[in-house]
PDB file of N, CA and C in Angstrom:
ATOM      1  N   MET A   1     -26.557 -13.469  -6.836  1.00  0.00           N
ATOM      2  CA  MET A   1     -25.170 -13.902  -6.756  1.00  0.00           C
ATOM      3  C   MET A   1     -24.369 -12.621  -6.140  1.00  0.00           C
ATOM      4  N   ASN A   2     -23.627 -12.881  -5.094  1.00  0.00           N
ATOM      5  CA  ASN A   2     -22.805 -11.932  -4.460  1.00  0.00           C
ATOM      6  C   ASN A   2     -21.450 -12.076  -4.959  1.00  0.00           C
ATOM      7  N   ILE A   3     -20.728 -11.003  -5.419  1.00  0.00           N
ATOM      8  CA  ILE A   3     -19.409 -10.997  -5.938  1.00  0.00           C
ATOM      9  C   ILE A   3     -18.479 -10.084  -5.297  1.00  0.00           C
ATOM     10  N   TYR A   4     -17.408 -10.624  -5.121  1.00  0.00           N
ATOM     11  CA  TYR A   4     -16.220  -9.682  -4.443  1.00  0.00           C
ATOM     12  C   TYR A   4     -15.324  -9.344  -5.320  1.00  0.00           C
ATOM     13  N   VAL A   5     -14.991  -7.878  -5.396  1.00  0.00           N
ATOM     14  CA  VAL A   5     -14.085  -7.432  -6.338  1.00  0.00           C
ATOM     15  C   VAL A   5     -12.957  -6.643  -5.503  1.00  0.00           C
ATOM     16  N   SER A   6     -11.710  -6.870  -5.973  1.00  0.00           N
ATOM     17  CA  SER A   6     -10.599  -6.188  -5.107  1.00  0.00           C
ATOM     18  C   SER A   6      -9.707  -5.807  -6.083  1.00  0.00           C
ATOM     19  N   ASN A   7      -8.731  -4.992  -5.669  1.00  0.00           N
ATOM     20  CA  ASN A   7      -7.616  -4.204  -6.185  1.00  0.00           C
ATOM     21  C   ASN A   7      -8.370  -3.060  -6.969  1.00  0.00           C
ATOM     22  N   LEU A   8      -9.345  -2.479  -6.240  1.00  0.00           N
ATOM     23  CA  LEU A   8      -9.997  -1.209  -6.826  1.00  0.00           C
ATOM     24  C   LEU A   8      -8.975  -0.069  -6.521  1.00  0.00           C
ATOM     25  N   GLY A   9      -9.147   0.917  -7.325  1.00  0.00           N
ATOM     26  CA  GLY A   9      -8.371   2.128  -7.169  1.00  0.00           C
ATOM     27  C   GLY A   9      -8.929   2.984  -6.008  1.00  0.00           C
ATOM     28  N   PHE A  10      -8.362   3.921  -5.494  1.00  0.00           N
ATOM     29  CA  PHE A  10      -8.766   4.779  -4.408  1.00  0.00           C
ATOM     30  C   PHE A  10      -9.759   5.560  -4.664  1.00  0.00           C
ATOM     31  N   ASP A  11     -10.021   5.781  -5.954  1.00  0.00           N
ATOM     32  CA  ASP A  11     -11.028   6.714  -6.514  1.00  0.00           C
ATOM     33  C   ASP A  11     -12.397   5.977  -6.991  1.00  0.00           C
ATOM     34  N   ALA A  12     -12.420   4.966  -6.879  1.00  0.00           N
ATOM     35  CA  ALA A  12     -13.587   3.963  -7.244  1.00  0.00           C
ATOM     36  C   ALA A  12     -14.723   4.238  -6.290  1.00  0.00           C
ATOM     37  N   ASN A  13     -15.787   4.188  -6.917  1.00  0.00           N
ATOM     38  CA  ASN A  13     -17.165   4.403  -6.057  1.00  0.00           C
ATOM     39  C   ASN A  13     -18.190   3.389  -6.511  1.00  0.00           C
ATOM     40  N   ASP A  14     -19.392   3.383  -5.900  1.00  0.00           N
ATOM     41  CA  ASP A  14     -20.420   2.484  -6.180  1.00  0.00           C
ATOM     42  C   ASP A  14     -20.963   2.542  -7.397  1.00  0.00           C
ATOM     43  N   SER A  15     -20.986   3.746  -8.030  1.00  0.00           N
ATOM     44  CA  SER A  15     -21.449   3.964  -9.374  1.00  0.00           C
ATOM     45  C   SER A  15     -20.707   3.407 -10.448  1.00  0.00           C
ATOM     46  N   ASP A  16     -19.234   3.425 -10.278  1.00  0.00           N
ATOM     47  CA  ASP A  16     -18.199   2.846 -11.069  1.00  0.00           C
ATOM     48  C   ASP A  16     -18.542   1.157 -11.220  1.00  0.00           C
ATOM     49  N   LEU A  17     -18.694   0.763 -10.107  1.00  0.00           N
ATOM     50  CA  LEU A  17     -18.967  -0.723 -10.050  1.00  0.00           C
ATOM     51  C   LEU A  17     -20.242  -1.150 -10.785  1.00  0.00           C
ATOM     52  N   ARG A  18     -21.197  -0.359 -10.315  1.00  0.00           N
ATOM     53  CA  ARG A  18     -22.627  -0.636 -11.017  1.00  0.00           C
ATOM     54  C   ARG A  18     -22.427  -0.630 -12.472  1.00  0.00           C
ATOM     55  N   THR A  19     -21.746   0.325 -13.036  1.00  0.00           N
ATOM     56  CA  THR A  19     -21.797   0.659 -14.423  1.00  0.00           C
ATOM     57  C   THR A  19     -20.903  -0.448 -15.165  1.00  0.00           C
ATOM     58  N   LEU A  20     -19.851  -0.896 -14.587  1.00  0.00           N
ATOM     59  CA  LEU A  20     -19.122  -2.033 -14.987  1.00  0.00           C
ATOM     60  C   LEU A  20     -19.734  -3.430 -15.051  1.00  0.00           C
ATOM     61  N   PHE A  21     -20.468  -3.618 -14.146  1.00  0.00           N
ATOM     62  CA  PHE A  21     -21.143  -4.964 -14.069  1.00  0.00           C
ATOM     63  C   PHE A  21     -22.560  -5.043 -14.676  1.00  0.00           C
ATOM     64  N   SER A  22     -23.135  -3.820 -14.971  1.00  0.00           N
ATOM     65  CA  SER A  22     -24.499  -3.860 -15.566  1.00  0.00           C
ATOM     66  C   SER A  22     -24.303  -4.213 -17.165  1.00  0.00           C
ATOM     67  N   THR A  23     -23.290  -4.301 -17.659  1.00  0.00           N
ATOM     68  CA  THR A  23     -23.277  -4.820 -19.057  1.00  0.00           C
ATOM     69  C   THR A  23     -23.466  -6.143 -19.112  1.00  0.00           C
ATOM     70  N   PHE A  24     -23.532  -6.918 -18.001  1.00  0.00           N
ATOM     71  CA  PHE A  24     -23.635  -8.378 -17.951  1.00  0.00           C
ATOM     72  C   PHE A  24     -25.083  -8.741 -17.418  1.00  0.00           C
ATOM     73  N   GLY A  25     -25.848  -7.749 -16.906  1.00  0.00           N
ATOM     74  CA  GLY A  25     -27.222  -8.091 -16.422  1.00  0.00           C
ATOM     75  C   GLY A  25     -27.475  -7.129 -15.298  1.00  0.00           C
ATOM     76  N   GLU A  26     -28.636  -7.401 -14.636  1.00  0.00           N
ATOM     77  CA  GLU A  26     -29.090  -6.477 -13.629  1.00  0.00           C
ATOM     78  C   GLU A  26     -28.264  -6.400 -12.395  1.00  0.00           C
ATOM     79  N   VAL A  27     -27.965  -5.280 -11.990  1.00  0.00           N
ATOM     80  CA  VAL A  27     -27.168  -5.328 -10.604  1.00  0.00           C
ATOM     81  C   VAL A  27     -28.134  -4.826  -9.525  1.00  0.00           C
ATOM     82  N   SER A  28     -28.178  -5.741  -8.593  1.00  0.00           N
ATOM     83  CA  SER A  28     -29.079  -5.417  -7.397  1.00  0.00           C
ATOM     84  C   SER A  28     -28.531  -4.312  -6.527  1.00  0.00           C
ATOM     85  N   SER A  29     -27.202  -4.498  -6.265  1.00  0.00           N
ATOM     86  CA  SER A  29     -26.447  -3.571  -5.432  1.00  0.00           C
ATOM     87  C   SER A  29     -25.010  -3.614  -5.789  1.00  0.00           C
ATOM     88  N   ALA A  30     -24.423  -2.477  -5.564  1.00  0.00           N
ATOM     89  CA  ALA A  30     -22.844  -2.230  -5.800  1.00  0.00           C
ATOM     90  C   ALA A  30     -22.259  -1.373  -4.679  1.00  0.00           C
ATOM     91  N   LYS A  31     -21.422  -1.737  -3.967  1.00  0.00           N
ATOM     92  CA  LYS A  31     -20.901  -1.084  -2.939  1.00  0.00           C
ATOM     93  C   LYS A  31     -19.474  -1.363  -2.721  1.00  0.00           C
ATOM     94  N   VAL A  32     -18.809  -0.076  -2.709  1.00  0.00           N
ATOM     95  CA  VAL A  32     -17.232   0.131  -2.643  1.00  0.00           C
ATOM     96  C   VAL A  32     -17.095   0.156  -1.182  1.00  0.00           C
ATOM     97  N   ILE A  33     -16.181  -0.439  -0.506  1.00  0.00           N
ATOM     98  CA  ILE A  33     -16.103  -0.228   0.932  1.00  0.00           C
ATOM     99  C   ILE A  33     -14.937   0.943   1.161  1.00  0.00           C
ATOM    100  N   MET A  34     -15.564   1.953   1.861  1.00  0.00           N
ATOM    101  CA  MET A  34     -14.714   3.152   2.033  1.00  0.00           C
ATOM    102  C   MET A  34     -14.070   3.226   3.302  1.00  0.00           C
ATOM    103  N   ASP A  35     -13.016   3.885   3.440  1.00  0.00           N
ATOM    104  CA  ASP A  35     -12.237   4.143   4.769  1.00  0.00           C
ATOM    105  C   ASP A  35     -12.943   5.252   5.499  1.00  0.00           C
ATOM    106  N   LYS A  36     -13.134   5.030   6.753  1.00  0.00           N
ATOM    107  CA  LYS A  36     -13.894   6.049   7.394  1.00  0.00           C
ATOM    108  C   LYS A  36     -12.966   7.319   7.622  1.00  0.00           C
ATOM    109  N   MET A  37     -11.685   7.165   7.734  1.00  0.00           N
ATOM    110  CA  MET A  37     -10.918   8.323   8.133  1.00  0.00           C
ATOM    111  C   MET A  37     -10.758   9.324   6.730  1.00  0.00           C
ATOM    112  N   SER A  38     -10.274   8.669   5.782  1.00  0.00           N
ATOM    113  CA  SER A  38      -9.804   9.332   4.534  1.00  0.00           C
ATOM    114  C   SER A  38     -11.219   9.457   3.578  1.00  0.00           C
ATOM    115  N   GLY A  39     -12.057   8.698   3.733  1.00  0.00           N
ATOM    116  CA  GLY A  39     -13.249   8.639   2.689  1.00  0.00           C
ATOM    117  C   GLY A  39     -12.905   8.155   1.383  1.00  0.00           C
ATOM    118  N   ARG A  40     -11.766   7.680   1.311  1.00  0.00           N
ATOM    119  CA  ARG A  40     -11.253   6.981   0.053  1.00  0.00           C
ATOM    120  C   ARG A  40     -11.600   5.346  -0.172  1.00  0.00           C
ATOM    121  N   SER A  41     -11.664   4.841  -1.201  1.00  0.00           N
ATOM    122  CA  SER A  41     -11.779   3.487  -1.390  1.00  0.00           C
ATOM    123  C   SER A  41     -10.738   2.672  -0.659  1.00  0.00           C
ATOM    124  N   ARG A  42     -11.219   1.574  -0.063  1.00  0.00           N
ATOM    125  CA  ARG A  42     -10.309   0.610   0.697  1.00  0.00           C
ATOM    126  C   ARG A  42      -9.788  -0.377  -0.236  1.00  0.00           C
ATOM    127  N   GLY A  43     -10.175  -0.312  -1.436  1.00  0.00           N
ATOM    128  CA  GLY A  43      -9.607  -1.149  -2.601  1.00  0.00           C
ATOM    129  C   GLY A  43     -10.410  -2.463  -2.846  1.00  0.00           C
ATOM    130  N   PHE A  44     -11.503  -2.531  -2.119  1.00  0.00           N
ATOM    131  CA  PHE A  44     -12.422  -3.651  -2.426  1.00  0.00           C
ATOM    132  C   PHE A  44     -13.945  -3.279  -2.341  1.00  0.00           C
ATOM    133  N   GLY A  45     -14.793  -4.159  -2.966  1.00  0.00           N
ATOM    134  CA  GLY A  45     -16.217  -3.811  -2.996  1.00  0.00           C
ATOM    135  C   GLY A  45     -16.936  -5.205  -3.185  1.00  0.00           C
ATOM    136  N   PHE A  46     -18.263  -5.005  -3.305  1.00  0.00           N
ATOM    137  CA  PHE A  46     -19.153  -6.171  -3.497  1.00  0.00           C
ATOM    138  C   PHE A  46     -20.179  -5.632  -4.486  1.00  0.00           C
ATOM    139  N   VAL A  47     -20.585  -6.650  -5.310  1.00  0.00           N
ATOM    140  CA  VAL A  47     -21.672  -6.288  -6.234  1.00  0.00           C
ATOM    141  C   VAL A  47     -22.567  -7.597  -6.045  1.00  0.00           C
ATOM    142  N   GLU A  48     -23.923  -7.279  -6.114  1.00  0.00           N
ATOM    143  CA  GLU A  48     -24.768  -8.312  -5.951  1.00  0.00           C
ATOM    144  C   GLU A  48     -25.791  -8.419  -7.375  1.00  0.00           C
ATOM    145  N   MET A  49     -25.733  -9.491  -7.973  1.00  0.00           N
ATOM    146  CA  MET A  49     -26.530  -9.571  -9.280  1.00  0.00           C
ATOM    147  C   MET A  49     -27.706 -10.541  -9.075  1.00  0.00           C
ATOM    148  N   SER A  50     -28.932 -10.075  -9.622  1.00  0.00           N
ATOM    149  CA  SER A  50     -29.997 -11.031  -9.437  1.00  0.00           C
ATOM    150  C   SER A  50     -29.972 -12.248 -10.217  1.00  0.00           C
ATOM    151  N   ASP A  51     -29.314 -12.382 -11.330  1.00  0.00           N
ATOM    152  CA  ASP A  51     -29.173 -13.615 -12.161  1.00  0.00           C
ATOM    153  C   ASP A  51     -27.810 -14.245 -11.892  1.00  0.00           C
ATOM    154  N   GLU A  52     -27.849 -15.546 -11.459  1.00  0.00           N
ATOM    155  CA  GLU A  52     -26.588 -16.063 -11.174  1.00  0.00           C
ATOM    156  C   GLU A  52     -25.790 -16.401 -12.300  1.00  0.00           C
ATOM    157  N   GLU A  53     -26.355 -16.757 -13.507  1.00  0.00           N
ATOM    158  CA  GLU A  53     -25.534 -16.772 -14.845  1.00  0.00           C
ATOM    159  C   GLU A  53     -24.937 -15.533 -15.292  1.00  0.00           C
ATOM    160  N   ALA A  54     -25.582 -14.411 -15.029  1.00  0.00           N
ATOM    161  CA  ALA A  54     -25.050 -13.244 -15.401  1.00  0.00           C
ATOM    162  C   ALA A  54     -23.871 -12.832 -14.582  1.00  0.00           C
ATOM    163  N   GLY A  55     -24.076 -13.306 -13.287  1.00  0.00           N
ATOM    164  CA  GLY A  55     -22.854 -13.068 -12.260  1.00  0.00           C
ATOM    165  C   GLY A  55     -21.606 -13.957 -12.717  1.00  0.00           C
ATOM    166  N   LYS A  56     -21.851 -15.077 -13.098  1.00  0.00           N
ATOM    167  CA  LYS A  56     -20.743 -16.022 -13.546  1.00  0.00           C
ATOM    168  C   LYS A  56     -20.164 -15.467 -14.801  1.00  0.00           C
ATOM    169  N   ALA A  57     -20.778 -14.922 -15.636  1.00  0.00           N
ATOM    170  CA  ALA A  57     -20.317 -14.283 -16.966  1.00  0.00           C
ATOM    171  C   ALA A  57     -19.451 -13.192 -16.524  1.00  0.00           C
ATOM    172  N   ALA A  58     -19.888 -12.267 -15.684  1.00  0.00           N
ATOM    173  CA  ALA A  58     -19.167 -11.050 -15.296  1.00  0.00           C
ATOM    174  C   ALA A  58     -17.917 -11.619 -14.532  1.00  0.00           C
ATOM    175  N   ILE A  59     -17.887 -12.441 -13.611  1.00  0.00           N
ATOM    176  CA  ILE A  59     -16.647 -12.957 -13.200  1.00  0.00           C
ATOM    177  C   ILE A  59     -15.662 -13.394 -14.109  1.00  0.00           C
ATOM    178  N   ARG A  60     -16.206 -14.361 -14.976  1.00  0.00           N
ATOM    179  CA  ARG A  60     -15.225 -14.822 -16.097  1.00  0.00           C
ATOM    180  C   ARG A  60     -14.678 -13.631 -17.012  1.00  0.00           C
ATOM    181  N   SER A  61     -15.454 -12.752 -17.353  1.00  0.00           N
ATOM    182  CA  SER A  61     -15.080 -11.603 -18.224  1.00  0.00           C
ATOM    183  C   SER A  61     -14.173 -10.442 -17.470  1.00  0.00           C
ATOM    184  N   LEU A  62     -14.492 -10.147 -16.465  1.00  0.00           N
ATOM    185  CA  LEU A  62     -13.900  -9.008 -15.664  1.00  0.00           C
ATOM    186  C   LEU A  62     -12.702  -9.444 -14.760  1.00  0.00           C
ATOM    187  N   ASN A  63     -12.453 -10.693 -14.355  1.00  0.00           N
ATOM    188  CA  ASN A  63     -11.418 -11.080 -13.633  1.00  0.00           C
ATOM    189  C   ASN A  63     -10.019 -10.799 -14.241  1.00  0.00           C
ATOM    190  N   ASN A  64      -9.175  -9.957 -13.619  1.00  0.00           N
ATOM    191  CA  ASN A  64      -7.836  -9.632 -14.179  1.00  0.00           C
ATOM    192  C   ASN A  64      -7.972  -8.505 -15.287  1.00  0.00           C
ATOM    193  N   LYS A  65      -9.138  -7.989 -15.313  1.00  0.00           N
ATOM    194  CA  LYS A  65      -9.194  -6.960 -16.469  1.00  0.00           C
ATOM    195  C   LYS A  65      -8.909  -5.496 -15.858  1.00  0.00           C
ATOM    196  N   ASP A  66      -8.468  -4.644 -16.608  1.00  0.00           N
ATOM    197  CA  ASP A  66      -8.175  -3.393 -16.241  1.00  0.00           C
ATOM    198  C   ASP A  66      -9.322  -2.557 -15.856  1.00  0.00           C
ATOM    199  N   MET A  67      -9.131  -1.674 -14.531  1.00  0.00           N
ATOM    200  CA  MET A  67      -9.983  -0.744 -14.447  1.00  0.00           C
ATOM    201  C   MET A  67      -9.385   0.371 -13.584  1.00  0.00           C
ATOM    202  N   ASP A  68      -9.299   1.580 -14.540  1.00  0.00           N
ATOM    203  CA  ASP A  68      -8.585   2.811 -14.132  1.00  0.00           C
ATOM    204  C   ASP A  68      -7.084   2.398 -13.872  1.00  0.00           C
ATOM    205  N   GLY A  69      -6.410   1.679 -14.581  1.00  0.00           N
ATOM    206  CA  GLY A  69      -5.123   1.358 -14.541  1.00  0.00           C
ATOM    207  C   GLY A  69      -4.665   0.210 -13.567  1.00  0.00           C
ATOM    208  N   ARG A  70      -5.771  -0.410 -12.829  1.00  0.00           N
ATOM    209  CA  ARG A  70      -5.372  -1.559 -12.020  1.00  0.00           C
ATOM    210  C   ARG A  70      -6.127  -2.870 -12.600  1.00  0.00           C
ATOM    211  N   SER A  71      -5.272  -3.839 -12.353  1.00  0.00           N
ATOM    212  CA  SER A  71      -5.855  -5.285 -12.733  1.00  0.00           C
ATOM    213  C   SER A  71      -6.685  -5.772 -11.552  1.00  0.00           C
ATOM    214  N   ILE A  72      -8.022  -5.786 -11.759  1.00  0.00           N
ATOM    215  CA  ILE A  72      -8.998  -6.026 -10.782  1.00  0.00           C
ATOM    216  C   ILE A  72      -9.285  -7.465 -10.526  1.00  0.00           C
ATOM    217  N   SER A  73      -9.397  -8.039  -9.261  1.00  0.00           N
ATOM    218  CA  SER A  73      -9.729  -9.377  -9.042  1.00  0.00           C
ATOM    219  C   SER A  73     -11.081  -9.554  -8.656  1.00  0.00           C
ATOM    220  N   VAL A  74     -11.879 -10.344  -9.611  1.00  0.00           N
ATOM    221  CA  VAL A  74     -13.355 -10.581  -9.301  1.00  0.00           C
ATOM    222  C   VAL A  74     -13.620 -12.130  -9.004  1.00  0.00           C
ATOM    223  N   SER A  75     -14.317 -12.442  -7.952  1.00  0.00           N
ATOM    224  CA  SER A  75     -14.632 -13.760  -7.727  1.00  0.00           C
ATOM    225  C   SER A  75     -15.826 -13.886  -6.873  1.00  0.00           C
ATOM    226  N   VAL A  76     -16.432 -14.970  -6.666  1.00  0.00           N
ATOM    227  CA  VAL A  76     -17.820 -15.282  -5.822  1.00  0.00           C
ATOM    228  C   VAL A  76     -17.221 -14.753  -4.359  1.00  0.00           C
ATOM    229  N   ALA A  77     -18.281 -13.975  -3.720  1.00  0.00           N
ATOM    230  CA  ALA A  77     -18.054 -13.534  -2.428  1.00  0.00           C
ATOM    231  C   ALA A  77     -18.219 -14.790  -1.399  1.00  0.00           C
ATOM    232  N   LYS A  78     -17.278 -14.736  -0.463  1.00  0.00           N
ATOM    233  CA  LYS A  78     -17.575 -15.887   0.706  1.00  0.00           C
ATOM    234  C   LYS A  78     -18.613 -15.692   1.437  1.00  0.00           C
ATOM    235  N   ASP A  79     -19.244 -16.409   1.988  1.00  0.00           N
ATOM    236  CA  ASP A  79     -20.269 -16.153   3.128  1.00  0.00           C
ATOM    237  C   ASP A  79     -19.502 -15.904   4.337  1.00  0.00           C
ATOM    238  N   LYS A  80     -19.897 -15.031   5.177  1.00  0.00           N
ATOM    239  CA  LYS A  80     -19.319 -14.744   6.536  1.00  0.00           C
ATOM    240  C   LYS A  80     -19.143 -16.065   7.238  1.00  0.00           C
ATOM    241  N   SER A  81     -19.926 -16.951   7.344  1.00  0.00           N
ATOM    242  CA  SER A  81     -19.693 -18.159   7.924  1.00  0.00           C
ATOM    243  C   SER A  81     -18.483 -18.952   7.475  1.00  0.00           C
ATOM    244  N   GLN A  82     -18.253 -18.820   6.255  1.00  0.00           N
ATOM    245  CA  GLN A  82     -16.947 -19.442   5.662  1.00  0.00           C
ATOM    246  C   GLN A  82     -15.671 -18.933   6.130  1.00  0.00           C
ATOM    247  N   LEU A  83     -15.708 -17.749   6.438  1.00  0.00           N
ATOM    248  CA  LEU A  83     -14.564 -17.008   6.838  1.00  0.00           C
ATOM    249  C   LEU A  83     -13.946 -17.442   8.176  1.00  0.00           C
ATOM    250  N   GLY A  84     -14.739 -18.098   8.929  1.00  0.00           N
ATOM    251  CA  GLY A  84     -14.259 -18.447  10.310  1.00  0.00           C
ATOM    252  C   GLY A  84     -14.357 -17.401  11.415  1.00  0.00           C
ATOM    253  N   SER A  85     -14.084 -17.680  12.465  1.00  0.00           N
ATOM    254  CA  SER A  85     -14.288 -16.676  13.588  1.00  0.00           C
ATOM    255  C   SER A  85     -13.075 -16.155  14.335  1.00  0.00           C
ATOM    256  N   SER A  86     -11.984 -16.674  13.548  1.00  0.00           N
ATOM    257  CA  SER A  86     -10.639 -16.343  14.282  1.00  0.00           C
ATOM    258  C   SER A  86     -10.325 -14.874  13.882  1.00  0.00           C
ATOM    259  N   THR A  87      -9.938 -14.265  14.893  1.00  0.00           N
ATOM    260  CA  THR A  87      -9.525 -12.852  14.891  1.00  0.00           C
ATOM    261  C   THR A  87      -8.038 -12.564  15.586  1.00  0.00           C
ATOM    262  N   SER A  88      -7.495 -11.580  15.269  1.00  0.00           N
ATOM    263  CA  SER A  88      -6.014 -11.463  15.694  1.00  0.00           C
ATOM    264  C   SER A  88      -6.014 -11.631  17.181  1.00  0.00           C
ATOM    265  N   PHE A  89      -6.953 -11.327  17.860  1.00  0.00           N
ATOM    266  CA  PHE A  89      -7.087 -11.477  19.494  1.00  0.00           C
ATOM    267  C   PHE A  89      -7.035 -13.045  19.701  1.00  0.00           C
ATOM    268  N   ASN A  90      -7.841 -13.671  18.959  1.00  0.00           N
ATOM    269  CA  ASN A  90      -8.001 -15.079  19.242  1.00  0.00           C
ATOM    270  C   ASN A  90      -6.647 -15.847  18.847  1.00  0.00           C
ATOM    271  N   LYS A  91      -5.982 -15.436  17.801  1.00  0.00           N
ATOM    272  CA  LYS A  91      -4.854 -16.189  17.336  1.00  0.00           C
ATOM    273  C   LYS A  91      -3.795 -16.111  18.453  1.00  0.00           C
ATOM    274  N   GLY A  92      -3.534 -14.889  19.259  1.00  0.00           N
ATOM    275  CA  GLY A  92      -2.662 -14.865  20.156  1.00  0.00           C
ATOM    276  C   GLY A  92      -2.834 -15.432  21.551  1.00  0.00           C
ATOM    277  N   PHE A  93      -4.170 -15.823  21.715  1.00  0.00           N
ATOM    278  CA  PHE A  93      -4.468 -16.322  23.013  1.00  0.00           C
ATOM    279  C   PHE A  93      -5.282 -17.510  22.903  1.00  0.00           C
ATOM    280  N   GLY A  94      -5.217 -18.281  21.773  1.00  0.00           N
ATOM    281  CA  GLY A  94      -5.954 -19.499  21.600  1.00  0.00           C
ATOM    282  C   GLY A  94      -5.379 -20.682  22.447  1.00  0.00           C
ATOM    283  N   GLY A  95      -6.107 -21.845  22.190  1.00  0.00           N
ATOM    284  CA  GLY A  95      -5.616 -23.098  22.999  1.00  0.00           C
ATOM    285  C   GLY A  95      -4.242 -23.449  22.789  1.00  0.00           C
ATOM    286  N   ASN A  96      -3.718 -23.140  21.550  1.00  0.00           N
ATOM    287  CA  ASN A  96      -2.435 -23.755  21.109  1.00  0.00           C
ATOM    288  C   ASN A  96      -1.288 -22.709  21.374  1.00  0.00           C
ATOM    289  N   SER A  97      -1.785 -21.652  22.166  1.00  0.00           N
ATOM    290  CA  SER A  97      -0.799 -20.615  22.144  1.00  0.00           C
ATOM    291  C   SER A  97       0.317 -20.776  23.300  1.00  0.00           C
ATOM    292  N   THR A  98       1.400 -19.984  23.391  1.00  0.00           N
ATOM    293  CA  THR A  98       2.536 -20.358  24.505  1.00  0.00           C
ATOM    294  C   THR A  98       2.086 -19.363  25.551  1.00  0.00           C
ATOM    295  N   TYR A  99       1.161 -18.619  25.433  1.00  0.00           N
ATOM    296  CA  TYR A  99       0.748 -17.630  26.506  1.00  0.00           C
ATOM    297  C   TYR A  99       0.383 -18.434  27.812  1.00  0.00           C
ATOM    298  N   LYS A 100       0.925 -17.960  28.987  1.00  0.00           N
ATOM    299  CA  LYS A 100       0.617 -18.695  30.189  1.00  0.00           C
ATOM    300  C   LYS A 100       0.083 -17.739  31.117  1.00  0.00           C
ATOM    301  N   LYS A 101      -1.014 -18.299  31.762  1.00  0.00           N
ATOM    302  CA  LYS A 101      -1.733 -17.407  32.868  1.00  0.00           C
ATOM    303  C   LYS A 101      -0.688 -17.332  33.998  1.00  0.00           C
ATOM    304  N   ARG A 102      -0.960 -16.265  34.740  1.00  0.00           N
ATOM    305  CA  ARG A 102      -0.091 -15.930  35.839  1.00  0.00           C
ATOM    306  C   ARG A 102      -0.752 -16.092  37.195  1.00  0.00           C
ATOM    307  N   TYR A 103      -1.997 -16.578  37.137  1.00  0.00           N
ATOM    308  CA  TYR A 103      -2.553 -16.882  38.530  1.00  0.00           C
ATOM    309  C   TYR A 103      -3.049 -18.144  38.690  1.00  0.00           C
TER     310      TYR A 103
END
């Protein structure tokens, strides 16, 4: 089960996530997404747990819990296909846009 964790502190790292979730079962991977420029956490990450029931228990127990002074949000991660393909570029120049071609 792939789990999305948000509202992480800027000092959060992979090890912190692994430790937090390992109390519920085996953690296959834990990754905090880092900012390329500053090297700090971007405030969210992903945890993969091999057992779905353990993942569900972790979500129920950890959602809105305090981690380093911040109330983290924990939910099932959405598949990339569920997110859609719209980007800021497509939004401005899509079929319903008021943008008019000049040629």
